[in-house]
Every structure is written in structure tokens, then in C-alpha cells.
Amino acid sequence: MPLIYKICPRDLWRAAQAEGRFRGAPVDLADGYIHFSTAAQAVETAARHFSGIDDLLLLSVDADALGAGLRYEPSRGGDLFPHLYGDLPLSAVVAVADLPLDAAGRHVFPAEVFPVEVFPAGLGGPSA
């Protein structure tokens, strides 16, 4: 099962659970699709778009469960990023983990749901 990742404020995820579907964050709604990252992209996404922001969650999503609405499209630097056109079905979310900040203000990705081999040297490695 290929996984993609969504960095999400805790309150937004709680609202999605109460509603029974995830429509996306304000930036997703404005862009017309839900932004995701691959494992290789998530650390940089956190640093670039969520720097210093606390109370975030890392959603691990089964890409195969998203069907034809999932497209890989060029974004920063020409990298292909996963974009979902439509709501994220909650059933596609296979894990939800806290994404805390370390003492330097970088996000600490949880080793239990995130592959260790994707971390650039010195950039927010997984929690022990």
C-alpha cells in the first residue's frame, strides 16, 4: 500500500471526524484540491509551510484508496506532488500521529508511521 501524507491542524482533523469527511484546509479549498506529500517530500513541506506551528497531526493515507481523484502534479522545483480532487474519505487514513516540535522548532516525525530513510541529514529526524 503506497502511503502519502497530509500535515493537518488537530482542530481541523477533529472537525473532519465529526463531519465524517475531510474537505481540506483553507489552502486546499482555495486551490481546489487537497495537498499531500510523499514520504520524501513531507519533511520539507513541514519546514516550508508549517514552520514553528504546533498542534499538528501527520495523517498517513493509503494512496490506492483515493481512486482517480488523486493526481501527481508538478509543484515546487518540478517535483510531482499528490493532489486529491475531492474529499478525503476518512477510511483512507490508515494512521494519525502527533507532529510535535523539537527544541529547535522543527517537526519531529514519528518513527512508528514514517520511514526513517527519507530524512535529510540534520533535518527533523523521527522520534525514538
N, C-alpha and C. Protein backbone atom coordinates (compact mmCIF):
# COMPACT_ATOMS: atom_id res chain seq x y z
N MET A 1 0.85 -1.18 0.00
CA MET A 1 0.00 0.00 0.00
C MET A 1 0.90 1.24 0.00
N PRO A 2 0.87 2.01 -1.08
CA PRO A 2 1.66 3.24 -1.10
C PRO A 2 1.01 4.30 -0.20
N LEU A 3 1.83 4.94 0.61
CA LEU A 3 1.32 5.96 1.53
C LEU A 3 1.69 7.35 1.05
N ILE A 4 0.77 8.28 1.25
CA ILE A 4 1.04 9.71 1.11
C ILE A 4 0.65 10.35 2.43
N TYR A 5 1.07 11.59 2.63
CA TYR A 5 0.93 12.21 3.94
C TYR A 5 0.28 13.58 3.84
N LYS A 6 -0.53 13.87 4.85
CA LYS A 6 -1.17 15.18 4.99
C LYS A 6 -0.81 15.73 6.36
N ILE A 7 -0.26 16.92 6.39
CA ILE A 7 0.00 17.62 7.65
C ILE A 7 -1.23 18.46 7.93
N CYS A 8 -1.80 18.27 9.10
CA CYS A 8 -3.12 18.82 9.38
C CYS A 8 -3.21 19.37 10.80
N PRO A 9 -3.76 20.56 10.97
CA PRO A 9 -4.02 21.05 12.33
C PRO A 9 -4.99 20.11 13.05
N ARG A 10 -4.73 19.88 14.32
CA ARG A 10 -5.54 18.95 15.12
C ARG A 10 -7.03 19.32 15.09
N ASP A 11 -7.35 20.61 15.23
CA ASP A 11 -8.76 21.01 15.27
C ASP A 11 -9.46 20.75 13.94
N LEU A 12 -8.74 20.88 12.84
CA LEU A 12 -9.33 20.60 11.53
C LEU A 12 -9.62 19.10 11.37
N TRP A 13 -8.73 18.26 11.88
CA TRP A 13 -8.96 16.82 11.82
C TRP A 13 -10.14 16.42 12.69
N ARG A 14 -10.23 17.01 13.88
CA ARG A 14 -11.38 16.72 14.76
C ARG A 14 -12.69 17.09 14.08
N ALA A 15 -12.71 18.24 13.42
CA ALA A 15 -13.92 18.67 12.71
C ALA A 15 -14.26 17.70 11.59
N ALA A 16 -13.24 17.21 10.88
CA ALA A 16 -13.47 16.24 9.81
C ALA A 16 -14.06 14.95 10.36
N GLN A 17 -13.54 14.51 11.50
CA GLN A 17 -14.07 13.28 12.11
C GLN A 17 -15.53 13.47 12.52
N ALA A 18 -15.86 14.63 13.04
CA ALA A 18 -17.24 14.90 13.45
C ALA A 18 -18.17 14.95 12.24
N GLU A 19 -17.66 15.49 11.13
CA GLU A 19 -18.46 15.62 9.91
C GLU A 19 -18.50 14.32 9.10
N GLY A 20 -17.51 13.47 9.30
CA GLY A 20 -17.45 12.22 8.55
C GLY A 20 -16.71 12.31 7.24
N ARG A 21 -16.07 13.45 6.99
CA ARG A 21 -15.26 13.60 5.78
C ARG A 21 -14.30 14.78 5.97
N PHE A 22 -13.20 14.74 5.21
CA PHE A 22 -12.20 15.80 5.26
C PHE A 22 -12.23 16.53 3.93
N ARG A 23 -12.63 17.78 3.98
CA ARG A 23 -12.73 18.59 2.76
C ARG A 23 -11.43 19.31 2.44
N GLY A 24 -10.55 19.45 3.45
CA GLY A 24 -9.28 20.11 3.25
C GLY A 24 -9.13 21.34 4.12
N ALA A 25 -7.91 21.81 4.19
CA ALA A 25 -7.58 23.04 4.91
C ALA A 25 -7.96 24.24 4.04
N PRO A 26 -7.96 25.44 4.60
CA PRO A 26 -8.29 26.61 3.78
C PRO A 26 -7.47 26.72 2.49
N VAL A 27 -6.18 26.42 2.54
CA VAL A 27 -5.36 26.49 1.33
C VAL A 27 -5.82 25.45 0.30
N ASP A 28 -6.24 24.28 0.77
CA ASP A 28 -6.75 23.25 -0.13
C ASP A 28 -8.03 23.71 -0.82
N LEU A 29 -8.93 24.27 -0.02
CA LEU A 29 -10.20 24.75 -0.57
C LEU A 29 -9.96 25.85 -1.59
N ALA A 30 -9.02 26.74 -1.31
CA ALA A 30 -8.71 27.84 -2.24
C ALA A 30 -8.11 27.31 -3.54
N ASP A 31 -7.28 26.26 -3.45
CA ASP A 31 -6.61 25.72 -4.64
C ASP A 31 -7.47 24.72 -5.41
N GLY A 32 -8.54 24.22 -4.79
CA GLY A 32 -9.42 23.29 -5.49
C GLY A 32 -9.02 21.83 -5.37
N TYR A 33 -8.05 21.53 -4.53
CA TYR A 33 -7.63 20.15 -4.30
C TYR A 33 -6.94 20.07 -2.94
N ILE A 34 -6.85 18.86 -2.40
CA ILE A 34 -6.18 18.65 -1.12
C ILE A 34 -4.71 18.34 -1.40
N HIS A 35 -3.84 19.11 -0.78
CA HIS A 35 -2.39 18.94 -0.91
C HIS A 35 -1.92 17.77 -0.04
N PHE A 36 -1.11 16.91 -0.61
CA PHE A 36 -0.44 15.83 0.11
C PHE A 36 1.04 15.89 -0.22
N SER A 37 1.81 15.10 0.49
CA SER A 37 3.24 14.94 0.21
C SER A 37 3.56 13.46 0.22
N THR A 38 4.57 13.09 -0.56
CA THR A 38 5.13 11.74 -0.44
C THR A 38 6.03 11.74 0.79
N ALA A 39 6.51 10.56 1.17
CA ALA A 39 7.43 10.47 2.30
C ALA A 39 8.67 11.31 2.05
N ALA A 40 9.16 11.33 0.83
CA ALA A 40 10.36 12.09 0.50
C ALA A 40 10.13 13.60 0.55
N GLN A 41 8.89 14.04 0.49
CA GLN A 41 8.56 15.47 0.44
C GLN A 41 8.05 16.03 1.76
N ALA A 42 7.58 15.19 2.66
CA ALA A 42 6.86 15.66 3.85
C ALA A 42 7.70 16.50 4.80
N VAL A 43 8.97 16.14 4.99
CA VAL A 43 9.82 16.89 5.91
C VAL A 43 10.00 18.33 5.40
N GLU A 44 10.28 18.47 4.12
CA GLU A 44 10.44 19.82 3.55
C GLU A 44 9.12 20.58 3.56
N THR A 45 8.02 19.89 3.30
CA THR A 45 6.71 20.54 3.35
C THR A 45 6.46 21.11 4.74
N ALA A 46 6.76 20.33 5.77
CA ALA A 46 6.57 20.81 7.15
C ALA A 46 7.43 22.03 7.42
N ALA A 47 8.69 21.98 7.00
CA ALA A 47 9.61 23.09 7.24
C ALA A 47 9.20 24.34 6.47
N ARG A 48 8.72 24.15 5.27
CA ARG A 48 8.40 25.29 4.40
C ARG A 48 7.04 25.92 4.71
N HIS A 49 6.04 25.10 4.95
CA HIS A 49 4.67 25.61 5.08
C HIS A 49 4.10 25.60 6.50
N PHE A 50 4.78 24.91 7.42
CA PHE A 50 4.26 24.79 8.79
C PHE A 50 5.33 25.12 9.83
N SER A 51 6.33 25.87 9.44
CA SER A 51 7.45 26.19 10.33
C SER A 51 6.98 26.79 11.65
N GLY A 52 7.39 26.17 12.75
CA GLY A 52 7.08 26.67 14.08
C GLY A 52 5.65 26.47 14.53
N ILE A 53 4.82 25.85 13.71
CA ILE A 53 3.41 25.66 14.07
C ILE A 53 3.27 24.37 14.88
N ASP A 54 2.66 24.49 16.03
CA ASP A 54 2.47 23.36 16.93
C ASP A 54 1.05 22.82 16.78
N ASP A 55 0.77 21.72 17.45
CA ASP A 55 -0.54 21.08 17.48
C ASP A 55 -0.97 20.59 16.10
N LEU A 56 0.00 19.99 15.39
CA LEU A 56 -0.28 19.41 14.08
C LEU A 56 -0.31 17.90 14.17
N LEU A 57 -0.97 17.30 13.20
CA LEU A 57 -1.02 15.85 13.07
C LEU A 57 -0.44 15.46 11.71
N LEU A 58 0.10 14.26 11.65
CA LEU A 58 0.54 13.68 10.40
C LEU A 58 -0.44 12.55 10.06
N LEU A 59 -1.18 12.74 8.97
CA LEU A 59 -2.12 11.72 8.51
C LEU A 59 -1.41 10.86 7.47
N SER A 60 -1.39 9.56 7.68
CA SER A 60 -0.86 8.61 6.70
C SER A 60 -2.05 8.08 5.91
N VAL A 61 -1.99 8.23 4.60
CA VAL A 61 -3.14 7.94 3.75
C VAL A 61 -2.78 6.89 2.70
N ASP A 62 -3.64 5.91 2.54
CA ASP A 62 -3.48 4.88 1.52
C ASP A 62 -3.81 5.50 0.16
N ALA A 63 -2.79 5.74 -0.64
CA ALA A 63 -2.99 6.39 -1.94
C ALA A 63 -3.89 5.56 -2.86
N ASP A 64 -3.79 4.24 -2.77
CA ASP A 64 -4.62 3.39 -3.64
C ASP A 64 -6.11 3.54 -3.35
N ALA A 65 -6.45 3.94 -2.14
CA ALA A 65 -7.86 4.07 -1.75
C ALA A 65 -8.51 5.34 -2.30
N LEU A 66 -7.72 6.21 -2.92
CA LEU A 66 -8.25 7.51 -3.36
C LEU A 66 -8.76 7.52 -4.79
N GLY A 67 -8.46 6.50 -5.55
CA GLY A 67 -9.01 6.38 -6.89
C GLY A 67 -8.52 7.44 -7.86
N ALA A 68 -9.36 7.72 -8.86
CA ALA A 68 -8.99 8.60 -9.96
C ALA A 68 -8.87 10.06 -9.55
N GLY A 69 -9.39 10.43 -8.38
CA GLY A 69 -9.28 11.82 -7.93
C GLY A 69 -7.87 12.21 -7.52
N LEU A 70 -6.99 11.22 -7.32
CA LEU A 70 -5.61 11.50 -6.92
C LEU A 70 -4.76 11.67 -8.17
N ARG A 71 -4.09 12.81 -8.25
CA ARG A 71 -3.21 13.09 -9.38
C ARG A 71 -1.87 13.58 -8.85
N TYR A 72 -0.81 13.20 -9.53
CA TYR A 72 0.54 13.69 -9.20
C TYR A 72 0.86 14.80 -10.18
N GLU A 73 1.03 16.01 -9.63
CA GLU A 73 1.19 17.19 -10.49
C GLU A 73 2.44 17.96 -10.07
N PRO A 74 3.08 18.62 -11.05
CA PRO A 74 4.31 19.36 -10.73
C PRO A 74 4.04 20.54 -9.80
N SER A 75 4.96 20.74 -8.89
CA SER A 75 4.88 21.86 -7.96
C SER A 75 6.29 22.40 -7.80
N ARG A 76 6.67 22.75 -6.56
CA ARG A 76 7.97 23.37 -6.33
C ARG A 76 9.11 22.58 -6.97
N GLY A 77 9.93 23.27 -7.70
CA GLY A 77 11.11 22.64 -8.30
C GLY A 77 10.80 21.55 -9.30
N GLY A 78 9.57 21.46 -9.77
CA GLY A 78 9.21 20.45 -10.74
C GLY A 78 8.87 19.09 -10.14
N ASP A 79 8.97 18.96 -8.81
CA ASP A 79 8.61 17.70 -8.16
C ASP A 79 7.12 17.42 -8.37
N LEU A 80 6.78 16.15 -8.48
CA LEU A 80 5.38 15.75 -8.60
C LEU A 80 4.81 15.53 -7.21
N PHE A 81 3.79 16.30 -6.88
CA PHE A 81 3.13 16.21 -5.58
C PHE A 81 1.75 15.60 -5.75
N PRO A 82 1.32 14.78 -4.79
CA PRO A 82 -0.02 14.21 -4.85
C PRO A 82 -1.08 15.25 -4.48
N HIS A 83 -2.07 15.38 -5.34
CA HIS A 83 -3.20 16.28 -5.12
C HIS A 83 -4.48 15.47 -5.26
N LEU A 84 -5.39 15.64 -4.32
CA LEU A 84 -6.67 14.93 -4.37
C LEU A 84 -7.77 15.91 -4.74
N TYR A 85 -8.43 15.63 -5.85
CA TYR A 85 -9.56 16.43 -6.29
C TYR A 85 -10.82 15.77 -5.73
N GLY A 86 -11.31 16.32 -4.64
CA GLY A 86 -12.46 15.76 -3.94
C GLY A 86 -12.14 15.61 -2.47
N ASP A 87 -13.12 15.16 -1.72
CA ASP A 87 -12.94 14.97 -0.28
C ASP A 87 -12.06 13.76 0.00
N LEU A 88 -11.36 13.81 1.11
CA LEU A 88 -10.57 12.68 1.58
C LEU A 88 -11.49 11.76 2.39
N PRO A 89 -11.72 10.53 1.92
CA PRO A 89 -12.53 9.62 2.73
C PRO A 89 -11.75 9.23 3.99
N LEU A 90 -12.39 9.32 5.13
CA LEU A 90 -11.71 9.02 6.39
C LEU A 90 -11.20 7.58 6.41
N SER A 91 -11.86 6.70 5.68
CA SER A 91 -11.44 5.30 5.63
C SER A 91 -10.08 5.11 4.96
N ALA A 92 -9.63 6.10 4.19
CA ALA A 92 -8.32 6.02 3.53
C ALA A 92 -7.17 6.39 4.47
N VAL A 93 -7.50 6.98 5.61
CA VAL A 93 -6.47 7.38 6.58
C VAL A 93 -6.14 6.17 7.43
N VAL A 94 -4.90 5.69 7.30
CA VAL A 94 -4.51 4.45 7.98
C VAL A 94 -3.78 4.70 9.30
N ALA A 95 -3.30 5.92 9.52
CA ALA A 95 -2.65 6.26 10.79
C ALA A 95 -2.70 7.76 10.99
N VAL A 96 -2.81 8.15 12.25
CA VAL A 96 -2.78 9.56 12.64
C VAL A 96 -1.81 9.67 13.80
N ALA A 97 -0.84 10.57 13.67
CA ALA A 97 0.18 10.72 14.71
C ALA A 97 0.45 12.19 14.99
N ASP A 98 0.81 12.48 16.22
CA ASP A 98 1.21 13.84 16.58
C ASP A 98 2.47 14.22 15.81
N LEU A 99 2.59 15.51 15.49
CA LEU A 99 3.76 16.05 14.81
C LEU A 99 4.31 17.19 15.66
N PRO A 100 4.97 16.84 16.78
CA PRO A 100 5.44 17.87 17.72
C PRO A 100 6.66 18.61 17.20
N LEU A 101 6.97 19.70 17.88
CA LEU A 101 8.18 20.47 17.59
C LEU A 101 9.28 20.06 18.56
N ASP A 102 10.52 20.03 18.06
CA ASP A 102 11.65 19.80 18.95
C ASP A 102 12.11 21.14 19.53
N ALA A 103 13.18 21.13 20.31
CA ALA A 103 13.67 22.35 20.97
C ALA A 103 14.10 23.41 19.97
N ALA A 104 14.47 23.00 18.76
CA ALA A 104 14.88 23.94 17.72
C ALA A 104 13.70 24.43 16.88
N GLY A 105 12.49 23.95 17.19
CA GLY A 105 11.31 24.38 16.45
C GLY A 105 11.04 23.60 15.18
N ARG A 106 11.72 22.46 15.00
CA ARG A 106 11.49 21.61 13.83
C ARG A 106 10.50 20.51 14.21
N HIS A 107 9.73 20.07 13.24
CA HIS A 107 8.78 19.00 13.49
C HIS A 107 9.50 17.66 13.61
N VAL A 108 9.05 16.88 14.56
CA VAL A 108 9.60 15.55 14.81
C VAL A 108 8.62 14.53 14.25
N PHE A 109 9.04 13.85 13.20
CA PHE A 109 8.17 12.87 12.55
C PHE A 109 8.22 11.55 13.32
N PRO A 110 7.07 10.96 13.58
CA PRO A 110 7.00 9.74 14.40
C PRO A 110 7.53 8.52 13.65
N ALA A 111 8.51 7.86 14.24
CA ALA A 111 9.14 6.69 13.61
C ALA A 111 8.14 5.57 13.36
N GLU A 112 7.11 5.47 14.19
CA GLU A 112 6.18 4.35 14.05
C GLU A 112 5.30 4.45 12.80
N VAL A 113 5.20 5.62 12.19
CA VAL A 113 4.38 5.74 10.98
C VAL A 113 5.12 6.38 9.81
N PHE A 114 6.37 6.75 10.01
CA PHE A 114 7.08 7.47 8.96
C PHE A 114 8.42 6.82 8.70
N PRO A 115 8.78 6.56 7.43
CA PRO A 115 10.02 5.85 7.12
C PRO A 115 11.27 6.68 7.45
N VAL A 116 12.15 6.11 8.23
CA VAL A 116 13.35 6.80 8.69
C VAL A 116 14.26 7.19 7.54
N GLU A 117 14.34 6.39 6.49
CA GLU A 117 15.31 6.62 5.42
C GLU A 117 15.07 7.90 4.61
N VAL A 118 13.96 8.59 4.79
CA VAL A 118 13.68 9.78 3.98
C VAL A 118 14.22 11.06 4.58
N PHE A 119 14.80 11.03 5.77
CA PHE A 119 15.22 12.25 6.43
C PHE A 119 16.54 12.76 5.90
N PRO A 120 16.55 14.02 5.41
CA PRO A 120 17.83 14.64 5.05
C PRO A 120 18.68 14.79 6.32
N ALA A 121 19.97 14.73 6.18
CA ALA A 121 20.87 14.83 7.33
C ALA A 121 20.57 16.08 8.14
N GLY A 122 20.36 15.89 9.44
CA GLY A 122 20.16 17.02 10.34
C GLY A 122 18.81 17.70 10.27
N LEU A 123 17.85 17.11 9.56
CA LEU A 123 16.56 17.79 9.40
C LEU A 123 15.44 16.98 10.02
N GLY A 124 15.14 17.27 11.29
CA GLY A 124 13.94 16.75 11.95
C GLY A 124 13.71 15.27 11.90
N GLY A 125 14.69 14.47 12.26
CA GLY A 125 14.54 13.02 12.23
C GLY A 125 13.42 12.51 13.11
N PRO A 126 13.13 11.23 13.00
CA PRO A 126 12.00 10.67 13.73
C PRO A 126 12.23 10.61 15.23
N SER A 127 11.14 10.55 15.93
CA SER A 127 11.21 10.40 17.38
C SER A 127 11.64 8.98 17.70
N ALA A 128 12.23 8.82 18.86
CA ALA A 128 12.72 7.48 19.25
C ALA A 128 11.58 6.65 19.81
